[in-house]
Amino acid sequence: MVRGKIEMKKIENATSRQVTFSKRRNGLLKKAYELSVLCDAQISLIIFSQTGRLFEFSNSDMQKTIERYRKYTKDHETSNHNSEIYIQQLKQEASHMIAKIELLEFQKRKLLGEGLASCSVEELQEIDSQLQRSLGKVRARKAQLFREELEKLKAKEKQLLEENVQLHQKTDMEPWRGSTNHEEKFRVVDLNLEVQTDLFIGLPEKHCK
């Protein structure tokens, strides 16, 4: 025989309601006991009937379990409260950052020459001063970079000169590749030397017999 599905609503008949309460109460207590034994769970169950009668089950000290529950819920509430405070702080910081970014963007537009129509003379003078200070810093940085680049070039020049001297010294030490005065030697031939030769320039003589 199949049991029909019971509609979840208050049983109006008092006798039927009491019988159902007794059956389901015993079943609930039995399930709690089985759960505590099978799963080694700490369970405390408290039931008050409609007439105010107390039924309870606990596999450990009921009072300690209740204190543990109170401590857990208190810590949980404190944690939730702290989380809410932290979230509020983050929202406030985000709002401050957004406002600061908007202010910086507004000042940036002014420095770029935008939106100056609404500026007073004092504000324009302040913008001019800021630009002058920025320009001075840019020029100082530019000069510093030039000096650093010049120092690098001087160091490179010194290195090349040293390498050149070393090459000359190496050349002087090798067999006849240059004089000690770094001048090339040449063989000089004196073309003015008198040399006797049978060579005759002119018409050949006619010899008569």
C-alpha atoms as a PDB file:
ATOM      1  CA  MET A   1       0.000   0.000   0.000  1.00  0.00           C
ATOM      2  CA  VAL A   2       1.458   3.341  -1.086  1.00  0.00           C
ATOM      3  CA  ARG A   3       1.263   6.222   1.341  1.00  0.00           C
ATOM      4  CA  GLY A   4      -0.273   9.358  -0.055  1.00  0.00           C
ATOM      5  CA  LYS A   5       1.637  12.622  -0.126  1.00  0.00           C
ATOM      6  CA  ILE A   6       0.891  14.686   2.981  1.00  0.00           C
ATOM      7  CA  GLU A   7       0.152  18.326   2.363  1.00  0.00           C
ATOM      8  CA  MET A   8       2.522  20.601   4.317  1.00  0.00           C
ATOM      9  CA  LYS A   9       0.147  22.641   6.395  1.00  0.00           C
ATOM     10  CA  LYS A  10      -1.024  22.766   9.981  1.00  0.00           C
ATOM     11  CA  ILE A  11      -3.138  19.806  11.037  1.00  0.00           C
ATOM     12  CA  GLU A  12      -6.372  21.267  12.259  1.00  0.00           C
ATOM     13  CA  ASN A  13      -7.567  18.234  14.219  1.00  0.00           C
ATOM     14  CA  ALA A  14      -5.908  18.352  17.666  1.00  0.00           C
ATOM     15  CA  THR A  15      -5.881  14.568  18.144  1.00  0.00           C
ATOM     16  CA  SER A  16      -4.345  13.932  14.730  1.00  0.00           C
ATOM     17  CA  ARG A  17      -1.880  16.721  15.308  1.00  0.00           C
ATOM     18  CA  GLN A  18      -0.749  15.194  18.618  1.00  0.00           C
ATOM     19  CA  VAL A  19      -0.370  11.722  17.120  1.00  0.00           C
ATOM     20  CA  THR A  20       1.660  13.110  14.202  1.00  0.00           C
ATOM     21  CA  PHE A  21       3.838  15.113  16.581  1.00  0.00           C
ATOM     22  CA  SER A  22       4.635  12.041  18.692  1.00  0.00           C
ATOM     23  CA  LYS A  23       5.529   9.918  15.682  1.00  0.00           C
ATOM     24  CA  ARG A  24       7.657  12.489  13.930  1.00  0.00           C
ATOM     25  CA  ARG A  25       9.316  13.571  17.184  1.00  0.00           C
ATOM     26  CA  ASN A  26      10.446  10.022  17.878  1.00  0.00           C
ATOM     27  CA  GLY A  27      11.636   9.672  14.284  1.00  0.00           C
ATOM     28  CA  LEU A  28      13.592  12.955  14.535  1.00  0.00           C
ATOM     29  CA  LEU A  29      15.242  11.917  17.787  1.00  0.00           C
ATOM     30  CA  LYS A  30      16.137   8.555  16.283  1.00  0.00           C
ATOM     31  CA  LYS A  31      17.697  10.238  13.211  1.00  0.00           C
ATOM     32  CA  ALA A  32      19.685  12.575  15.435  1.00  0.00           C
ATOM     33  CA  TYR A  33      21.045   9.643  17.402  1.00  0.00           C
ATOM     34  CA  GLU A  34      21.947   7.726  14.240  1.00  0.00           C
ATOM     35  CA  LEU A  35      23.690  10.779  12.765  1.00  0.00           C
ATOM     36  CA  SER A  36      25.746  11.297  15.947  1.00  0.00           C
ATOM     37  CA  VAL A  37      26.861   7.647  15.983  1.00  0.00           C
ATOM     38  CA  LEU A  38      27.451   7.096  12.274  1.00  0.00           C
ATOM     39  CA  CYS A  39      29.163  10.430  11.549  1.00  0.00           C
ATOM     40  CA  ASP A  40      30.625  11.250  14.974  1.00  0.00           C
ATOM     41  CA  ALA A  41      28.825  14.599  14.857  1.00  0.00           C
ATOM     42  CA  GLN A  42      28.143  16.743  17.885  1.00  0.00           C
ATOM     43  CA  ILE A  43      24.366  17.078  17.957  1.00  0.00           C
ATOM     44  CA  SER A  44      21.986  18.779  20.342  1.00  0.00           C
ATOM     45  CA  LEU A  45      18.297  18.760  19.582  1.00  0.00           C
ATOM     46  CA  ILE A  46      15.652  20.794  21.439  1.00  0.00           C
ATOM     47  CA  ILE A  47      11.921  20.410  20.838  1.00  0.00           C
ATOM     48  CA  PHE A  48       9.045  22.226  22.498  1.00  0.00           C
ATOM     49  CA  SER A  49       5.568  20.854  21.915  1.00  0.00           C
ATOM     50  CA  GLN A  50       2.537  23.046  21.414  1.00  0.00           C
ATOM     51  CA  THR A  51       1.733  22.627  25.083  1.00  0.00           C
ATOM     52  CA  GLY A  52       5.245  23.784  26.077  1.00  0.00           C
ATOM     53  CA  ARG A  53       6.652  20.389  26.954  1.00  0.00           C
ATOM     54  CA  LEU A  54      10.423  20.020  26.365  1.00  0.00           C
ATOM     55  CA  PHE A  55      12.018  17.148  24.470  1.00  0.00           C
ATOM     56  CA  GLU A  56      15.755  17.123  23.883  1.00  0.00           C
ATOM     57  CA  PHE A  57      18.638  14.994  22.705  1.00  0.00           C
ATOM     58  CA  SER A  58      22.382  15.587  22.938  1.00  0.00           C
ATOM     59  CA  ASN A  59      25.317  13.265  22.533  1.00  0.00           C
ATOM     60  CA  SER A  60      27.414  15.655  24.669  1.00  0.00           C
ATOM     61  CA  ASP A  61      26.834  18.240  27.354  1.00  0.00           C
ATOM     62  CA  MET A  62      23.870  20.327  26.234  1.00  0.00           C
ATOM     63  CA  GLN A  63      25.082  23.513  27.964  1.00  0.00           C
ATOM     64  CA  LYS A  64      28.537  23.317  26.383  1.00  0.00           C
ATOM     65  CA  THR A  65      26.960  22.835  22.996  1.00  0.00           C
ATOM     66  CA  ILE A  66      24.752  25.867  23.508  1.00  0.00           C
ATOM     67  CA  GLU A  67      27.738  27.979  24.611  1.00  0.00           C
ATOM     68  CA  ARG A  68      29.657  26.819  21.591  1.00  0.00           C
ATOM     69  CA  TYR A  69      26.740  27.791  19.382  1.00  0.00           C
ATOM     70  CA  ARG A  70      26.481  31.223  20.958  1.00  0.00           C
ATOM     71  CA  LYS A  71      30.193  31.820  20.528  1.00  0.00           C
ATOM     72  CA  TYR A  72      30.053  30.744  16.891  1.00  0.00           C
ATOM     73  CA  THR A  73      27.089  32.944  16.070  1.00  0.00           C
ATOM     74  CA  LYS A  74      28.680  35.875  17.903  1.00  0.00           C
ATOM     75  CA  ASP A  75      31.956  35.469  16.045  1.00  0.00           C
ATOM     76  CA  HIS A  76      30.061  35.094  12.806  1.00  0.00           C
ATOM     77  CA  GLU A  77      28.068  38.245  13.447  1.00  0.00           C
ATOM     78  CA  THR A  78      31.262  40.088  14.397  1.00  0.00           C
ATOM     79  CA  SER A  79      32.916  38.865  11.235  1.00  0.00           C
ATOM     80  CA  ASN A  80      29.973  39.978   9.146  1.00  0.00           C
ATOM     81  CA  HIS A  81      29.969  43.347  10.906  1.00  0.00           C
ATOM     82  CA  ASN A  82      33.685  43.784  10.292  1.00  0.00           C
ATOM     83  CA  SER A  83      33.192  42.813   6.665  1.00  0.00           C
ATOM     84  CA  GLU A  84      30.478  45.418   6.279  1.00  0.00           C
ATOM     85  CA  ILE A  85      32.711  48.069   7.858  1.00  0.00           C
ATOM     86  CA  TYR A  86      35.563  47.079   5.564  1.00  0.00           C
ATOM     87  CA  ILE A  87      33.306  47.259   2.517  1.00  0.00           C
ATOM     88  CA  GLN A  88      32.116  50.717   3.551  1.00  0.00           C
ATOM     89  CA  GLN A  89      35.717  51.853   3.941  1.00  0.00           C
ATOM     90  CA  LEU A  90      36.544  50.547   0.474  1.00  0.00           C
ATOM     91  CA  LYS A  91      33.561  52.392  -0.974  1.00  0.00           C
ATOM     92  CA  GLN A  92      34.655  55.633   0.697  1.00  0.00           C
ATOM     93  CA  GLU A  93      38.230  55.215  -0.543  1.00  0.00           C
ATOM     94  CA  ALA A  94      36.935  54.513  -4.047  1.00  0.00           C
ATOM     95  CA  SER A  95      34.804  57.667  -3.922  1.00  0.00           C
ATOM     96  CA  HIS A  96      37.788  59.727  -2.774  1.00  0.00           C
ATOM     97  CA  MET A  97      39.948  58.280  -5.543  1.00  0.00           C
ATOM     98  CA  ILE A  98      37.318  59.038  -8.170  1.00  0.00           C
ATOM     99  CA  ALA A  99      37.048  62.627  -6.958  1.00  0.00           C
ATOM    100  CA  LYS A 100      40.836  62.982  -6.924  1.00  0.00           C
ATOM    101  CA  ILE A 101      41.124  61.593 -10.457  1.00  0.00           C
ATOM    102  CA  GLU A 102      38.461  63.996 -11.705  1.00  0.00           C
ATOM    103  CA  LEU A 103      40.311  66.913 -10.103  1.00  0.00           C
ATOM    104  CA  LEU A 104      43.603  65.827 -11.678  1.00  0.00           C
ATOM    105  CA  GLU A 105      41.950  65.472 -15.073  1.00  0.00           C
ATOM    106  CA  PHE A 106      40.489  68.977 -14.707  1.00  0.00           C
ATOM    107  CA  GLN A 107      43.895  70.421 -13.801  1.00  0.00           C
ATOM    108  CA  LYS A 108      45.512  68.534 -16.667  1.00  0.00           C
ATOM    109  CA  ARG A 109      43.074  70.072 -19.153  1.00  0.00           C
ATOM    110  CA  LYS A 110      43.930  73.520 -17.817  1.00  0.00           C
ATOM    111  CA  LEU A 111      47.660  72.880 -18.214  1.00  0.00           C
ATOM    112  CA  LEU A 112      46.966  71.835 -21.808  1.00  0.00           C
ATOM    113  CA  GLY A 113      45.195  75.137 -22.386  1.00  0.00           C
ATOM    114  CA  GLU A 114      41.664  73.749 -22.330  1.00  0.00           C
ATOM    115  CA  GLY A 115      38.760  75.191 -20.385  1.00  0.00           C
ATOM    116  CA  LEU A 116      40.532  78.439 -19.487  1.00  0.00           C
ATOM    117  CA  ALA A 117      37.521  80.641 -20.170  1.00  0.00           C
ATOM    118  CA  SER A 118      36.189  80.152 -16.655  1.00  0.00           C
ATOM    119  CA  CYS A 119      39.568  80.778 -14.953  1.00  0.00           C
ATOM    120  CA  SER A 120      40.253  83.945 -13.011  1.00  0.00           C
ATOM    121  CA  VAL A 121      43.427  86.014 -13.301  1.00  0.00           C
ATOM    122  CA  GLU A 122      44.824  84.423 -10.140  1.00  0.00           C
ATOM    123  CA  GLU A 123      44.156  80.922 -11.503  1.00  0.00           C
ATOM    124  CA  LEU A 124      45.816  81.806 -14.803  1.00  0.00           C
ATOM    125  CA  GLN A 125      48.840  83.162 -12.954  1.00  0.00           C
ATOM    126  CA  GLU A 126      49.052  79.949 -10.947  1.00  0.00           C
ATOM    127  CA  ILE A 127      48.862  77.876 -14.156  1.00  0.00           C
ATOM    128  CA  ASP A 128      51.601  80.033 -15.684  1.00  0.00           C
ATOM    129  CA  SER A 129      53.792  79.476 -12.623  1.00  0.00           C
ATOM    130  CA  GLN A 130      53.236  75.734 -12.789  1.00  0.00           C
ATOM    131  CA  LEU A 131      54.180  75.678 -16.463  1.00  0.00           C
ATOM    132  CA  GLN A 132      57.329  77.691 -15.786  1.00  0.00           C
ATOM    133  CA  ARG A 133      58.371  75.307 -13.017  1.00  0.00           C
ATOM    134  CA  SER A 134      57.679  72.312 -15.226  1.00  0.00           C
ATOM    135  CA  LEU A 135      59.633  73.868 -18.090  1.00  0.00           C
ATOM    136  CA  GLY A 136      62.578  74.508 -15.761  1.00  0.00           C
ATOM    137  CA  LYS A 137      62.568  70.864 -14.663  1.00  0.00           C
ATOM    138  CA  VAL A 138      62.405  69.679 -18.270  1.00  0.00           C
ATOM    139  CA  ARG A 139      65.344  71.862 -19.265  1.00  0.00           C
ATOM    140  CA  ALA A 140      67.360  70.747 -16.249  1.00  0.00           C
ATOM    141  CA  ARG A 141      66.721  67.115 -17.098  1.00  0.00           C
ATOM    142  CA  LYS A 142      67.633  67.754 -20.724  1.00  0.00           C
ATOM    143  CA  ALA A 143      70.921  69.408 -19.717  1.00  0.00           C
ATOM    144  CA  GLN A 144      71.699  66.500 -17.403  1.00  0.00           C
ATOM    145  CA  LEU A 145      71.170  64.007 -20.225  1.00  0.00           C
ATOM    146  CA  PHE A 146      73.444  66.057 -22.490  1.00  0.00           C
ATOM    147  CA  ARG A 147      76.155  66.078 -19.842  1.00  0.00           C
ATOM    148  CA  GLU A 148      75.875  62.336 -19.332  1.00  0.00           C
ATOM    149  CA  GLU A 149      76.051  61.736 -23.087  1.00  0.00           C
ATOM    150  CA  LEU A 150      79.099  64.018 -23.348  1.00  0.00           C
ATOM    151  CA  GLU A 151      80.850  62.107 -20.581  1.00  0.00           C
ATOM    152  CA  LYS A 152      80.147  58.852 -22.405  1.00  0.00           C
ATOM    153  CA  LEU A 153      81.597  60.270 -25.634  1.00  0.00           C
ATOM    154  CA  LYS A 154      84.713  61.486 -23.828  1.00  0.00           C
ATOM    155  CA  ALA A 155      85.191  58.079 -22.260  1.00  0.00           C
ATOM    156  CA  LYS A 156      84.762  56.450 -25.673  1.00  0.00           C
ATOM    157  CA  GLU A 157      87.283  58.867 -27.195  1.00  0.00           C
ATOM    158  CA  LYS A 158      89.810  58.091 -24.460  1.00  0.00           C
ATOM    159  CA  GLN A 159      89.337  54.385 -25.026  1.00  0.00           C
ATOM    160  CA  LEU A 160      89.884  54.755 -28.771  1.00  0.00           C
ATOM    161  CA  LEU A 161      93.060  56.799 -28.213  1.00  0.00           C
ATOM    162  CA  GLU A 162      94.420  54.154 -25.882  1.00  0.00           C
ATOM    163  CA  GLU A 163      93.636  51.440 -28.407  1.00  0.00           C
ATOM    164  CA  ASN A 164      95.345  53.510 -31.126  1.00  0.00           C
ATOM    165  CA  VAL A 165      98.512  53.861 -29.021  1.00  0.00           C
ATOM    166  CA  GLN A 166      98.521  50.140 -28.350  1.00  0.00           C
ATOM    167  CA  LEU A 167      98.236  49.435 -32.078  1.00  0.00           C
ATOM    168  CA  HIS A 168     101.185  51.736 -32.845  1.00  0.00           C
ATOM    169  CA  GLN A 169     103.265  50.085 -30.169  1.00  0.00           C
ATOM    170  CA  LYS A 170     102.420  46.686 -31.559  1.00  0.00           C
ATOM    171  CA  THR A 171     103.387  47.836 -35.058  1.00  0.00           C
ATOM    172  CA  ASP A 172     106.799  49.131 -33.869  1.00  0.00           C
ATOM    173  CA  MET A 173     107.656  45.782 -32.359  1.00  0.00           C
ATOM    174  CA  GLU A 174     107.146  43.868 -35.663  1.00  0.00           C
ATOM    175  CA  PRO A 175     110.017  43.531 -38.287  1.00  0.00           C
ATOM    176  CA  TRP A 176     110.238  46.471 -40.608  1.00  0.00           C
ATOM    177  CA  ARG A 177     106.767  47.834 -40.723  1.00  0.00           C
ATOM    178  CA  GLY A 178     107.653  51.305 -39.765  1.00  0.00           C
ATOM    179  CA  SER A 179     110.310  53.403 -38.082  1.00  0.00           C
ATOM    180  CA  THR A 180     110.483  54.184 -34.419  1.00  0.00           C
ATOM    181  CA  ASN A 181     109.371  57.706 -35.298  1.00  0.00           C
ATOM    182  CA  HIS A 182     106.184  56.283 -36.869  1.00  0.00           C
ATOM    183  CA  GLU A 183     107.438  57.295 -40.330  1.00  0.00           C
ATOM    184  CA  GLU A 184     107.654  54.958 -43.290  1.00  0.00           C
ATOM    185  CA  LYS A 185     111.107  54.157 -44.656  1.00  0.00           C
ATOM    186  CA  PHE A 186     111.778  54.600 -48.343  1.00  0.00           C
ATOM    187  CA  ARG A 187     114.810  53.565 -50.396  1.00  0.00           C
ATOM    188  CA  VAL A 188     116.218  56.634 -52.000  1.00  0.00           C
ATOM    189  CA  VAL A 189     117.949  56.208 -55.364  1.00  0.00           C
ATOM    190  CA  ASP A 190     120.236  58.973 -56.540  1.00  0.00           C
ATOM    191  CA  LEU A 191     119.473  59.479 -60.206  1.00  0.00           C
ATOM    192  CA  ASN A 192     122.416  61.894 -60.621  1.00  0.00           C
ATOM    193  CA  LEU A 193     125.077  59.177 -60.451  1.00  0.00           C
ATOM    194  CA  GLU A 194     127.350  59.084 -63.557  1.00  0.00           C
ATOM    195  CA  VAL A 195     127.176  55.752 -65.265  1.00  0.00           C
ATOM    196  CA  GLN A 196     129.305  54.871 -68.375  1.00  0.00           C
ATOM    197  CA  THR A 197     127.360  53.248 -71.163  1.00  0.00           C
ATOM    198  CA  ASP A 198     127.917  52.448 -74.835  1.00  0.00           C
ATOM    199  CA  LEU A 199     124.552  53.809 -75.720  1.00  0.00           C
ATOM    200  CA  PHE A 200     124.807  56.407 -78.567  1.00  0.00           C
ATOM    201  CA  ILE A 201     122.077  58.754 -79.470  1.00  0.00           C
ATOM    202  CA  GLY A 202     121.989  60.002 -83.100  1.00  0.00           C
ATOM    203  CA  LEU A 203     122.486  58.758 -86.629  1.00  0.00           C
ATOM    204  CA  PRO A 204     124.912  55.925 -87.058  1.00  0.00           C
ATOM    205  CA  GLU A 205     128.308  56.914 -88.547  1.00  0.00           C
ATOM    206  CA  LYS A 206     129.240  55.821 -92.047  1.00  0.00           C
ATOM    207  CA  HIS A 207     132.583  54.122 -92.268  1.00  0.00           C
ATOM    208  CA  CYS A 208     134.394  54.533 -95.549  1.00  0.00           C
ATOM    209  CA  LYS A 209     136.620  51.938 -96.884  1.00  0.00           C
END
